[in-house]
């Protein structure tokens, strides 16, 4: 069983079109809610917002992805968000972070995402990135922005490993007279949840 990125992004898009998403934090909250609703009855599936994970590829050990989806042992998806509906969002730094994480695949690092409710300390299990981890950027911006067009973003990936597991969920804002498009492009179209 899996959930379709088009379906997820389409549900987020409905909230945007109703004027209910007004900031990146709100976009994050809506996407979190939609993801949680889709996996609520699936054992061992969790959605986390901004866990602090440590990685070592660049000597910069801390990274807070906007959203991650995990099962009991691995990170299923890492999602980064950008929200600039009236401007030109820049996702280059997010792509660099995702590339660094995908490059750590064979380093067998463990990441923590959940906390022990009673103490606030990090809890087990430890999660790992693996060959099926999806790397996703969800971005909203002007229709002619580099960041909302997959052909432009694909040139920035420059990592064969990342490009094999990368998708772009874009909200293309055209202005008055044309409805915003919510498009999913890339090598990942579904997130497994079974």
N, C-alpha and C. Protein backbone atom coordinates (compact mmCIF):
# COMPACT_ATOMS: atom_id res chain seq x y z
N UNK A 1 0.85 -1.18 0.00
CA UNK A 1 0.00 0.00 0.00
C UNK A 1 0.90 1.24 0.00
N UNK A 2 0.43 2.29 -0.63
CA UNK A 2 1.20 3.53 -0.69
C UNK A 2 0.26 4.72 -0.80
N UNK A 3 0.82 5.90 -0.58
CA UNK A 3 0.03 7.11 -0.76
C UNK A 3 0.63 7.89 -1.93
N UNK A 4 -0.23 8.42 -2.73
CA UNK A 4 0.16 9.15 -3.92
C UNK A 4 0.57 10.58 -3.57
N UNK A 5 1.73 11.00 -4.05
CA UNK A 5 2.15 12.38 -3.84
C UNK A 5 1.18 13.35 -4.52
N UNK A 6 0.64 12.96 -5.67
CA UNK A 6 -0.34 13.83 -6.34
C UNK A 6 -1.57 14.03 -5.48
N UNK A 7 -2.03 12.96 -4.85
CA UNK A 7 -3.20 13.07 -3.99
C UNK A 7 -2.90 13.96 -2.79
N UNK A 8 -1.77 13.72 -2.14
CA UNK A 8 -1.37 14.53 -0.98
C UNK A 8 -1.26 16.00 -1.36
N UNK A 9 -0.53 16.28 -2.44
CA UNK A 9 -0.31 17.66 -2.87
C UNK A 9 -1.61 18.29 -3.34
N UNK A 10 -2.48 17.51 -3.94
CA UNK A 10 -3.79 18.01 -4.35
C UNK A 10 -4.63 18.44 -3.16
N UNK A 11 -4.58 17.68 -2.08
CA UNK A 11 -5.33 18.05 -0.87
C UNK A 11 -4.76 19.32 -0.25
N UNK A 12 -3.44 19.45 -0.24
CA UNK A 12 -2.82 20.69 0.24
C UNK A 12 -3.26 21.84 -0.65
N UNK A 13 -3.26 21.61 -1.95
CA UNK A 13 -3.66 22.63 -2.91
C UNK A 13 -5.08 23.14 -2.71
N UNK A 14 -5.97 22.25 -2.29
CA UNK A 14 -7.34 22.68 -2.03
C UNK A 14 -7.37 23.72 -0.91
N UNK A 15 -6.60 23.49 0.14
CA UNK A 15 -6.54 24.47 1.23
C UNK A 15 -5.94 25.79 0.75
N UNK A 16 -4.92 25.71 -0.10
CA UNK A 16 -4.31 26.95 -0.62
C UNK A 16 -5.34 27.73 -1.45
N UNK A 17 -6.05 27.03 -2.31
CA UNK A 17 -7.02 27.69 -3.19
C UNK A 17 -8.18 28.30 -2.41
N UNK A 18 -8.44 27.79 -1.21
CA UNK A 18 -9.47 28.36 -0.36
C UNK A 18 -8.94 29.51 0.50
N UNK A 19 -7.66 29.87 0.30
CA UNK A 19 -7.06 30.96 1.05
C UNK A 19 -6.69 30.59 2.48
N UNK A 20 -6.49 29.30 2.76
CA UNK A 20 -6.22 28.85 4.12
C UNK A 20 -4.72 28.69 4.43
N UNK A 21 -3.86 28.84 3.43
CA UNK A 21 -2.42 28.74 3.67
C UNK A 21 -1.80 30.11 3.43
N UNK A 22 -1.27 30.70 4.49
CA UNK A 22 -0.75 32.06 4.39
C UNK A 22 0.73 32.19 4.72
N UNK A 23 1.40 31.08 5.04
CA UNK A 23 2.82 31.14 5.39
C UNK A 23 3.44 29.75 5.22
N UNK A 24 4.77 29.71 5.29
CA UNK A 24 5.44 28.42 5.21
C UNK A 24 5.09 27.54 6.40
N UNK A 25 4.96 28.13 7.57
CA UNK A 25 4.57 27.35 8.75
C UNK A 25 3.18 26.75 8.57
N UNK A 26 2.29 27.50 7.96
CA UNK A 26 0.94 26.99 7.71
C UNK A 26 0.98 25.87 6.67
N UNK A 27 1.79 26.04 5.63
CA UNK A 27 1.96 24.99 4.63
C UNK A 27 2.46 23.71 5.30
N UNK A 28 3.42 23.86 6.20
CA UNK A 28 3.96 22.73 6.93
C UNK A 28 2.87 22.05 7.77
N UNK A 29 2.06 22.85 8.44
CA UNK A 29 0.99 22.31 9.27
C UNK A 29 -0.05 21.56 8.43
N UNK A 30 -0.42 22.12 7.30
CA UNK A 30 -1.42 21.48 6.43
C UNK A 30 -0.86 20.17 5.87
N UNK A 31 0.39 20.19 5.39
CA UNK A 31 0.98 18.97 4.84
C UNK A 31 1.11 17.90 5.92
N UNK A 32 1.52 18.29 7.12
CA UNK A 32 1.60 17.35 8.24
C UNK A 32 0.24 16.71 8.51
N UNK A 33 -0.79 17.54 8.56
CA UNK A 33 -2.15 17.03 8.83
C UNK A 33 -2.60 16.05 7.75
N UNK A 34 -2.38 16.39 6.49
CA UNK A 34 -2.78 15.52 5.39
C UNK A 34 -2.03 14.19 5.47
N UNK A 35 -0.73 14.25 5.71
CA UNK A 35 0.05 13.01 5.81
C UNK A 35 -0.41 12.16 6.99
N UNK A 36 -0.63 12.79 8.13
CA UNK A 36 -1.10 12.05 9.31
C UNK A 36 -2.43 11.36 9.04
N UNK A 37 -3.33 12.05 8.36
CA UNK A 37 -4.63 11.45 8.06
C UNK A 37 -4.49 10.22 7.18
N UNK A 38 -3.52 10.23 6.27
CA UNK A 38 -3.35 9.11 5.35
C UNK A 38 -2.68 7.90 6.01
N UNK A 39 -1.92 8.12 7.07
CA UNK A 39 -1.22 6.98 7.68
C UNK A 39 -1.72 6.65 9.08
N UNK A 40 -2.78 7.29 9.54
CA UNK A 40 -3.20 7.13 10.92
C UNK A 40 -3.52 5.69 11.31
N UNK A 41 -3.96 4.86 10.39
CA UNK A 41 -4.31 3.48 10.72
C UNK A 41 -3.23 2.48 10.33
N UNK A 42 -2.04 2.98 10.00
CA UNK A 42 -0.96 2.09 9.61
C UNK A 42 0.03 1.98 10.77
N UNK A 43 0.17 0.78 11.35
CA UNK A 43 1.08 0.63 12.49
C UNK A 43 2.52 1.02 12.11
N UNK A 44 3.22 1.59 13.05
CA UNK A 44 4.64 1.93 12.95
C UNK A 44 4.95 3.04 11.96
N UNK A 45 3.96 3.72 11.43
CA UNK A 45 4.22 4.86 10.55
C UNK A 45 4.04 6.13 11.36
N UNK A 46 5.03 7.00 11.26
CA UNK A 46 5.01 8.25 12.02
C UNK A 46 5.41 9.40 11.10
N UNK A 47 4.87 10.57 11.40
CA UNK A 47 5.25 11.80 10.71
C UNK A 47 5.81 12.74 11.76
N UNK A 48 6.99 13.28 11.52
CA UNK A 48 7.63 14.20 12.46
C UNK A 48 7.91 15.54 11.79
N UNK A 49 7.79 16.59 12.56
CA UNK A 49 8.08 17.95 12.09
C UNK A 49 9.39 18.41 12.71
N UNK A 50 10.31 18.81 11.87
CA UNK A 50 11.59 19.41 12.24
C UNK A 50 12.36 18.66 13.32
N UNK A 51 12.55 17.35 13.15
CA UNK A 51 13.44 16.68 14.10
C UNK A 51 14.87 17.15 13.86
N UNK A 52 15.67 17.21 14.90
CA UNK A 52 17.08 17.56 14.73
C UNK A 52 17.81 16.26 14.44
N UNK A 53 18.30 16.13 13.23
CA UNK A 53 19.07 14.93 12.90
C UNK A 53 20.51 15.36 12.66
N UNK A 54 21.41 14.47 13.00
CA UNK A 54 22.82 14.78 12.85
C UNK A 54 23.35 14.06 11.62
N UNK A 55 24.14 14.79 10.86
CA UNK A 55 24.80 14.19 9.72
C UNK A 55 26.21 14.75 9.64
N UNK A 56 27.08 14.06 8.91
CA UNK A 56 28.49 14.36 9.04
C UNK A 56 29.21 14.61 7.72
N UNK A 57 28.54 14.58 6.62
CA UNK A 57 29.21 14.70 5.32
C UNK A 57 30.03 15.97 5.20
N UNK A 58 29.57 17.06 5.77
CA UNK A 58 30.26 18.34 5.60
C UNK A 58 30.87 18.85 6.88
N UNK A 59 30.80 18.10 7.94
CA UNK A 59 31.29 18.59 9.22
C UNK A 59 30.28 19.48 9.92
N UNK A 60 29.14 19.69 9.30
CA UNK A 60 28.07 20.48 9.91
C UNK A 60 27.04 19.49 10.44
N UNK A 61 27.04 19.21 11.73
CA UNK A 61 26.33 18.03 12.20
C UNK A 61 24.83 18.13 12.44
N UNK A 62 24.23 19.28 12.30
CA UNK A 62 22.80 19.35 12.62
C UNK A 62 21.98 19.82 11.41
N UNK A 63 20.84 19.21 11.28
CA UNK A 63 19.95 19.53 10.17
C UNK A 63 18.53 19.28 10.66
N UNK A 64 17.61 20.17 10.33
CA UNK A 64 16.21 20.02 10.73
C UNK A 64 15.33 19.99 9.48
N UNK A 65 15.10 18.80 8.92
CA UNK A 65 14.19 18.74 7.78
C UNK A 65 12.80 19.18 8.21
N UNK A 66 12.05 19.75 7.30
CA UNK A 66 10.72 20.26 7.65
C UNK A 66 9.78 19.14 8.09
N UNK A 67 9.79 18.03 7.37
CA UNK A 67 8.93 16.88 7.71
C UNK A 67 9.67 15.60 7.34
N UNK A 68 9.56 14.58 8.19
CA UNK A 68 10.02 13.25 7.80
C UNK A 68 8.91 12.26 8.09
N UNK A 69 8.89 11.21 7.28
CA UNK A 69 7.96 10.10 7.48
C UNK A 69 8.82 8.87 7.76
N UNK A 70 8.50 8.14 8.83
CA UNK A 70 9.31 6.99 9.24
C UNK A 70 8.43 5.77 9.45
N UNK A 71 9.07 4.60 9.34
CA UNK A 71 8.45 3.41 9.87
C UNK A 71 9.20 3.08 11.16
N UNK A 72 9.20 1.84 11.59
CA UNK A 72 9.83 1.54 12.87
C UNK A 72 11.36 1.52 12.81
N UNK A 73 11.96 1.54 11.61
CA UNK A 73 13.42 1.47 11.53
C UNK A 73 14.04 2.43 10.53
N UNK A 74 13.28 2.92 9.57
CA UNK A 74 13.91 3.73 8.52
C UNK A 74 13.12 5.00 8.21
N UNK A 75 13.82 5.93 7.62
CA UNK A 75 13.20 7.16 7.14
C UNK A 75 12.66 6.87 5.74
N UNK A 76 11.35 6.97 5.60
CA UNK A 76 10.70 6.69 4.32
C UNK A 76 10.80 7.89 3.40
N UNK A 77 10.63 9.10 3.96
CA UNK A 77 10.68 10.31 3.14
C UNK A 77 11.16 11.49 3.97
N UNK A 78 11.92 12.36 3.32
CA UNK A 78 12.34 13.63 3.89
C UNK A 78 11.77 14.72 2.99
N UNK A 79 11.04 15.66 3.59
CA UNK A 79 10.36 16.70 2.81
C UNK A 79 10.83 18.07 3.27
N UNK A 80 11.28 18.86 2.33
CA UNK A 80 11.64 20.26 2.57
C UNK A 80 10.58 21.16 1.95
N UNK A 81 10.31 22.30 2.57
CA UNK A 81 9.26 23.21 2.12
C UNK A 81 9.83 24.59 1.82
N UNK A 82 9.26 25.24 0.82
CA UNK A 82 9.53 26.66 0.54
C UNK A 82 8.20 27.29 0.13
N UNK A 83 7.94 28.47 0.68
CA UNK A 83 6.66 29.15 0.43
C UNK A 83 6.94 30.62 0.12
N UNK A 84 6.80 30.98 -1.14
CA UNK A 84 6.94 32.37 -1.57
C UNK A 84 5.99 32.58 -2.76
N UNK A 85 4.68 32.52 -2.51
CA UNK A 85 3.71 32.51 -3.61
C UNK A 85 3.72 33.78 -4.46
N UNK A 86 4.21 34.87 -3.93
CA UNK A 86 4.25 36.10 -4.71
C UNK A 86 5.67 36.46 -5.12
N UNK A 87 6.60 35.47 -5.04
CA UNK A 87 7.99 35.76 -5.35
C UNK A 87 8.67 34.55 -5.94
N UNK A 88 9.99 34.53 -5.92
CA UNK A 88 10.81 33.51 -6.53
C UNK A 88 11.57 32.73 -5.45
N UNK A 89 11.00 31.64 -4.96
CA UNK A 89 11.65 30.89 -3.89
C UNK A 89 12.96 30.27 -4.37
N UNK A 90 13.90 30.15 -3.45
CA UNK A 90 15.20 29.56 -3.76
C UNK A 90 15.33 28.26 -2.97
N UNK A 91 15.45 27.14 -3.68
CA UNK A 91 15.56 25.84 -3.00
C UNK A 91 16.98 25.27 -3.09
N UNK A 92 17.92 26.04 -3.57
CA UNK A 92 19.29 25.52 -3.75
C UNK A 92 19.89 25.00 -2.44
N UNK A 93 19.74 25.74 -1.35
CA UNK A 93 20.30 25.27 -0.07
C UNK A 93 19.63 23.98 0.39
N UNK A 94 18.33 23.86 0.16
CA UNK A 94 17.62 22.63 0.52
C UNK A 94 18.14 21.45 -0.30
N UNK A 95 18.41 21.68 -1.58
CA UNK A 95 18.94 20.61 -2.43
C UNK A 95 20.32 20.18 -1.96
N UNK A 96 21.14 21.13 -1.52
CA UNK A 96 22.47 20.80 -1.00
C UNK A 96 22.34 19.90 0.24
N UNK A 97 21.43 20.26 1.15
CA UNK A 97 21.23 19.44 2.35
C UNK A 97 20.74 18.04 2.00
N UNK A 98 19.79 17.96 1.07
CA UNK A 98 19.28 16.65 0.68
C UNK A 98 20.37 15.82 0.00
N UNK A 99 21.18 16.46 -0.81
CA UNK A 99 22.29 15.75 -1.46
C UNK A 99 23.25 15.21 -0.41
N UNK A 100 23.57 16.02 0.60
CA UNK A 100 24.48 15.57 1.65
C UNK A 100 23.90 14.37 2.40
N UNK A 101 22.62 14.41 2.67
CA UNK A 101 22.00 13.27 3.34
C UNK A 101 22.00 12.03 2.45
N UNK A 102 21.70 12.19 1.17
CA UNK A 102 21.69 11.03 0.28
C UNK A 102 23.10 10.47 0.12
N UNK A 103 24.11 11.33 0.20
CA UNK A 103 25.49 10.85 0.12
C UNK A 103 25.90 10.05 1.35
N UNK A 104 25.21 10.24 2.46
CA UNK A 104 25.51 9.50 3.69
C UNK A 104 24.88 8.12 3.72
N UNK A 105 24.18 7.78 2.68
CA UNK A 105 23.44 6.52 2.65
C UNK A 105 24.29 5.34 3.08
N UNK A 106 25.50 5.24 2.60
CA UNK A 106 26.33 4.07 2.89
C UNK A 106 27.14 4.22 4.18
N UNK A 107 26.93 5.33 4.91
CA UNK A 107 27.67 5.53 6.16
C UNK A 107 26.96 4.90 7.35
N UNK A 108 25.74 4.42 7.14
CA UNK A 108 25.00 3.68 8.16
C UNK A 108 24.74 4.51 9.42
N UNK A 109 24.52 5.80 9.28
CA UNK A 109 24.24 6.66 10.43
C UNK A 109 22.82 6.46 10.95
N UNK A 110 22.67 6.67 12.24
CA UNK A 110 21.36 6.60 12.88
C UNK A 110 20.86 8.01 13.15
N UNK A 111 19.55 8.20 13.03
CA UNK A 111 18.94 9.49 13.29
C UNK A 111 17.80 9.29 14.28
N UNK A 112 17.58 10.30 15.11
CA UNK A 112 16.51 10.23 16.10
C UNK A 112 15.45 11.26 15.73
N UNK A 113 14.19 10.90 15.90
CA UNK A 113 13.12 11.82 15.54
C UNK A 113 12.07 11.95 16.63
N UNK A 114 11.97 10.97 17.49
CA UNK A 114 10.90 11.00 18.49
C UNK A 114 11.47 11.26 19.88
N UNK A 115 10.59 11.75 20.74
CA UNK A 115 10.98 12.06 22.12
C UNK A 115 10.16 11.20 23.08
N UNK A 116 10.74 10.95 24.25
CA UNK A 116 10.04 10.24 25.32
C UNK A 116 9.13 11.26 26.00
N UNK A 117 7.82 11.07 25.97
CA UNK A 117 6.91 12.08 26.52
C UNK A 117 7.19 12.43 27.98
N UNK A 118 7.57 11.46 28.80
CA UNK A 118 7.76 11.71 30.22
C UNK A 118 9.03 12.52 30.53
N UNK A 119 10.08 12.37 29.70
CA UNK A 119 11.36 13.02 30.01
C UNK A 119 11.77 14.08 29.00
N UNK A 120 11.23 14.01 27.78
CA UNK A 120 11.65 14.93 26.73
C UNK A 120 12.94 14.52 26.04
N UNK A 121 13.56 13.43 26.47
CA UNK A 121 14.79 12.94 25.86
C UNK A 121 14.48 12.25 24.54
N UNK A 122 15.51 12.15 23.68
CA UNK A 122 15.34 11.40 22.43
C UNK A 122 15.06 9.95 22.77
N UNK A 123 14.20 9.34 22.00
CA UNK A 123 13.86 7.94 22.25
C UNK A 123 14.31 7.07 21.09
N UNK A 124 14.37 5.81 21.36
CA UNK A 124 14.60 4.84 20.31
C UNK A 124 13.26 4.52 19.70
N UNK A 125 13.11 4.10 18.50
CA UNK A 125 14.17 3.55 17.67
C UNK A 125 15.00 4.63 16.99
N UNK A 126 16.12 4.19 16.51
CA UNK A 126 16.95 5.01 15.65
C UNK A 126 16.51 4.76 14.22
N UNK A 127 16.46 5.81 13.44
CA UNK A 127 16.02 5.68 12.06
C UNK A 127 17.22 5.79 11.13
N UNK A 128 17.13 5.13 9.99
CA UNK A 128 18.20 5.16 9.01
C UNK A 128 17.66 5.56 7.64
N UNK A 129 18.50 6.23 6.88
CA UNK A 129 18.22 6.47 5.47
C UNK A 129 18.61 5.20 4.73
N UNK A 130 17.81 4.80 3.75
CA UNK A 130 18.18 3.64 2.95
C UNK A 130 17.96 3.92 1.47
N UNK A 131 18.13 2.90 0.66
CA UNK A 131 18.06 3.09 -0.80
C UNK A 131 16.66 3.44 -1.29
N UNK A 132 15.65 3.29 -0.45
CA UNK A 132 14.29 3.64 -0.89
C UNK A 132 13.79 4.95 -0.27
N UNK A 133 14.60 5.63 0.54
CA UNK A 133 14.19 6.90 1.12
C UNK A 133 13.92 7.91 0.01
N UNK A 134 12.77 8.55 0.10
CA UNK A 134 12.40 9.58 -0.88
C UNK A 134 12.84 10.95 -0.37
N UNK A 135 13.35 11.77 -1.28
CA UNK A 135 13.73 13.15 -0.97
C UNK A 135 12.81 14.05 -1.77
N UNK A 136 12.06 14.91 -1.08
CA UNK A 136 11.01 15.69 -1.72
C UNK A 136 11.14 17.15 -1.33
N UNK A 137 10.95 18.03 -2.30
CA UNK A 137 10.84 19.45 -2.02
C UNK A 137 9.43 19.87 -2.43
N UNK A 138 8.72 20.49 -1.51
CA UNK A 138 7.38 21.04 -1.79
C UNK A 138 7.55 22.56 -1.79
N UNK A 139 7.28 23.18 -2.92
CA UNK A 139 7.56 24.61 -3.07
C UNK A 139 6.39 25.31 -3.74
N UNK A 140 6.12 26.53 -3.28
CA UNK A 140 5.10 27.36 -3.91
C UNK A 140 5.75 28.68 -4.28
N UNK A 141 5.57 29.08 -5.54
CA UNK A 141 6.16 30.32 -6.00
C UNK A 141 5.61 30.72 -7.36
N UNK A 142 6.10 31.84 -7.85
CA UNK A 142 5.66 32.32 -9.16
C UNK A 142 5.94 31.27 -10.23
N UNK A 143 5.04 31.18 -11.19
CA UNK A 143 5.08 30.13 -12.21
C UNK A 143 6.39 30.10 -12.99
N UNK A 144 7.08 31.24 -13.12
CA UNK A 144 8.31 31.28 -13.91
C UNK A 144 9.56 31.18 -13.04
N UNK A 145 9.39 30.81 -11.80
CA UNK A 145 10.52 30.62 -10.90
C UNK A 145 11.28 29.35 -11.25
N UNK A 146 12.58 29.39 -11.13
CA UNK A 146 13.41 28.21 -11.34
C UNK A 146 12.97 27.07 -10.43
N UNK A 147 12.58 27.38 -9.22
CA UNK A 147 12.31 26.37 -8.19
C UNK A 147 11.00 25.62 -8.36
N UNK A 148 10.09 26.08 -9.18
CA UNK A 148 8.82 25.37 -9.35
C UNK A 148 8.76 24.61 -10.67
N UNK A 149 9.84 24.62 -11.42
CA UNK A 149 9.89 23.92 -12.71
C UNK A 149 10.90 22.78 -12.63
N UNK A 150 10.42 21.56 -12.77
CA UNK A 150 11.26 20.39 -12.55
C UNK A 150 12.46 20.35 -13.49
N UNK A 151 12.29 20.75 -14.73
CA UNK A 151 13.43 20.70 -15.66
C UNK A 151 14.58 21.57 -15.17
N UNK A 152 14.27 22.71 -14.55
CA UNK A 152 15.31 23.56 -13.99
C UNK A 152 15.93 22.94 -12.74
N UNK A 153 15.09 22.41 -11.88
CA UNK A 153 15.57 21.81 -10.63
C UNK A 153 16.42 20.58 -10.92
N UNK A 154 16.03 19.80 -11.91
CA UNK A 154 16.77 18.58 -12.24
C UNK A 154 18.23 18.89 -12.57
N UNK A 155 18.48 20.00 -13.22
CA UNK A 155 19.86 20.39 -13.54
C UNK A 155 20.66 20.69 -12.27
N UNK A 156 19.98 21.08 -11.20
CA UNK A 156 20.67 21.43 -9.95
C UNK A 156 20.99 20.21 -9.09
N UNK A 157 20.38 19.09 -9.39
CA UNK A 157 20.55 17.92 -8.52
C UNK A 157 21.98 17.39 -8.52
N UNK A 158 22.60 17.34 -9.66
CA UNK A 158 23.98 16.92 -9.89
C UNK A 158 24.44 15.70 -9.10
N UNK A 159 23.56 15.00 -8.52
CA UNK A 159 23.90 13.77 -7.81
C UNK A 159 23.01 12.66 -8.34
N UNK A 160 23.62 11.70 -8.98
CA UNK A 160 22.84 10.61 -9.53
C UNK A 160 22.04 9.90 -8.46
N UNK A 161 22.66 9.73 -7.29
CA UNK A 161 21.96 9.05 -6.18
C UNK A 161 20.73 9.82 -5.75
N UNK A 162 20.85 11.15 -5.60
CA UNK A 162 19.70 11.95 -5.18
C UNK A 162 18.64 11.99 -6.28
N UNK A 163 19.05 12.16 -7.52
CA UNK A 163 18.06 12.30 -8.60
C UNK A 163 17.23 11.05 -8.79
N UNK A 164 17.74 9.90 -8.39
CA UNK A 164 16.98 8.65 -8.52
C UNK A 164 15.85 8.56 -7.50
N UNK A 165 15.90 9.36 -6.43
CA UNK A 165 14.91 9.28 -5.36
C UNK A 165 14.33 10.64 -5.03
N UNK A 166 14.29 11.54 -5.99
CA UNK A 166 13.88 12.92 -5.75
C UNK A 166 12.59 13.26 -6.50
N UNK A 167 11.72 14.01 -5.84
CA UNK A 167 10.54 14.56 -6.52
C UNK A 167 10.30 15.99 -6.06
N UNK A 168 9.70 16.74 -6.95
CA UNK A 168 9.34 18.13 -6.70
C UNK A 168 7.82 18.23 -6.71
N UNK A 169 7.27 18.76 -5.62
CA UNK A 169 5.85 19.07 -5.56
C UNK A 169 5.78 20.59 -5.65
N UNK A 170 5.27 21.09 -6.77
CA UNK A 170 5.29 22.55 -6.97
C UNK A 170 3.88 23.12 -7.06
N UNK A 171 3.75 24.27 -6.43
CA UNK A 171 2.54 25.07 -6.56
C UNK A 171 2.94 26.28 -7.40
N UNK A 172 2.45 26.34 -8.63
CA UNK A 172 2.82 27.40 -9.57
C UNK A 172 1.75 28.49 -9.58
N UNK A 173 2.13 29.66 -9.10
CA UNK A 173 1.21 30.77 -8.98
C UNK A 173 1.31 31.62 -10.24
N UNK A 174 0.20 31.75 -10.96
CA UNK A 174 0.20 32.47 -12.23
C UNK A 174 -0.29 33.91 -12.12
N UNK A 175 -1.01 34.22 -11.09
CA UNK A 175 -1.59 35.55 -10.98
C UNK A 175 -3.06 35.51 -11.38
N UNK A 176 -3.65 36.67 -11.42
CA UNK A 176 -5.08 36.74 -11.72
C UNK A 176 -5.39 36.21 -13.10
N UNK A 177 -6.50 35.52 -13.20
CA UNK A 177 -6.95 35.01 -14.48
C UNK A 177 -6.57 33.57 -14.75
N UNK A 178 -5.65 33.00 -13.97
CA UNK A 178 -5.28 31.61 -14.18
C UNK A 178 -5.09 30.93 -12.83
N UNK A 179 -5.70 29.79 -12.67
CA UNK A 179 -5.68 29.08 -11.40
C UNK A 179 -4.30 28.49 -11.12
N UNK A 180 -3.92 28.48 -9.85
CA UNK A 180 -2.65 27.90 -9.43
C UNK A 180 -2.62 26.41 -9.77
N UNK A 181 -1.48 25.96 -10.29
CA UNK A 181 -1.30 24.54 -10.62
C UNK A 181 -0.51 23.86 -9.51
N UNK A 182 -0.95 22.66 -9.13
CA UNK A 182 -0.23 21.84 -8.16
C UNK A 182 0.25 20.60 -8.90
N UNK A 183 1.57 20.51 -9.08
CA UNK A 183 2.18 19.50 -9.95
C UNK A 183 3.21 18.70 -9.17
N UNK A 184 3.27 17.39 -9.44
CA UNK A 184 4.29 16.52 -8.86
C UNK A 184 5.10 15.94 -10.01
N UNK A 185 6.43 16.14 -9.94
CA UNK A 185 7.32 15.62 -10.98
C UNK A 185 8.57 15.03 -10.33
N UNK A 186 9.11 14.02 -10.96
CA UNK A 186 10.33 13.40 -10.47
C UNK A 186 10.23 11.90 -10.44
N UNK A 187 11.21 11.26 -9.81
CA UNK A 187 11.28 9.82 -9.83
C UNK A 187 10.41 9.13 -8.78
N UNK A 188 9.91 9.90 -7.81
CA UNK A 188 9.07 9.32 -6.76
C UNK A 188 7.64 9.84 -6.95
N UNK A 189 6.69 8.92 -7.10
CA UNK A 189 5.30 9.33 -7.24
C UNK A 189 4.44 8.87 -6.06
N UNK A 190 4.97 7.92 -5.29
CA UNK A 190 4.22 7.37 -4.17
C UNK A 190 5.16 7.13 -2.99
N UNK A 191 4.57 7.18 -1.79
CA UNK A 191 5.31 6.85 -0.58
C UNK A 191 4.72 5.57 -0.01
N UNK A 192 5.52 4.51 0.12
CA UNK A 192 4.97 3.26 0.67
C UNK A 192 4.62 3.42 2.14
N UNK A 193 3.47 2.90 2.51
CA UNK A 193 3.06 3.00 3.92
C UNK A 193 2.67 1.66 4.52
N UNK A 194 2.86 0.57 3.80
CA UNK A 194 2.49 -0.72 4.38
C UNK A 194 3.65 -1.38 5.06
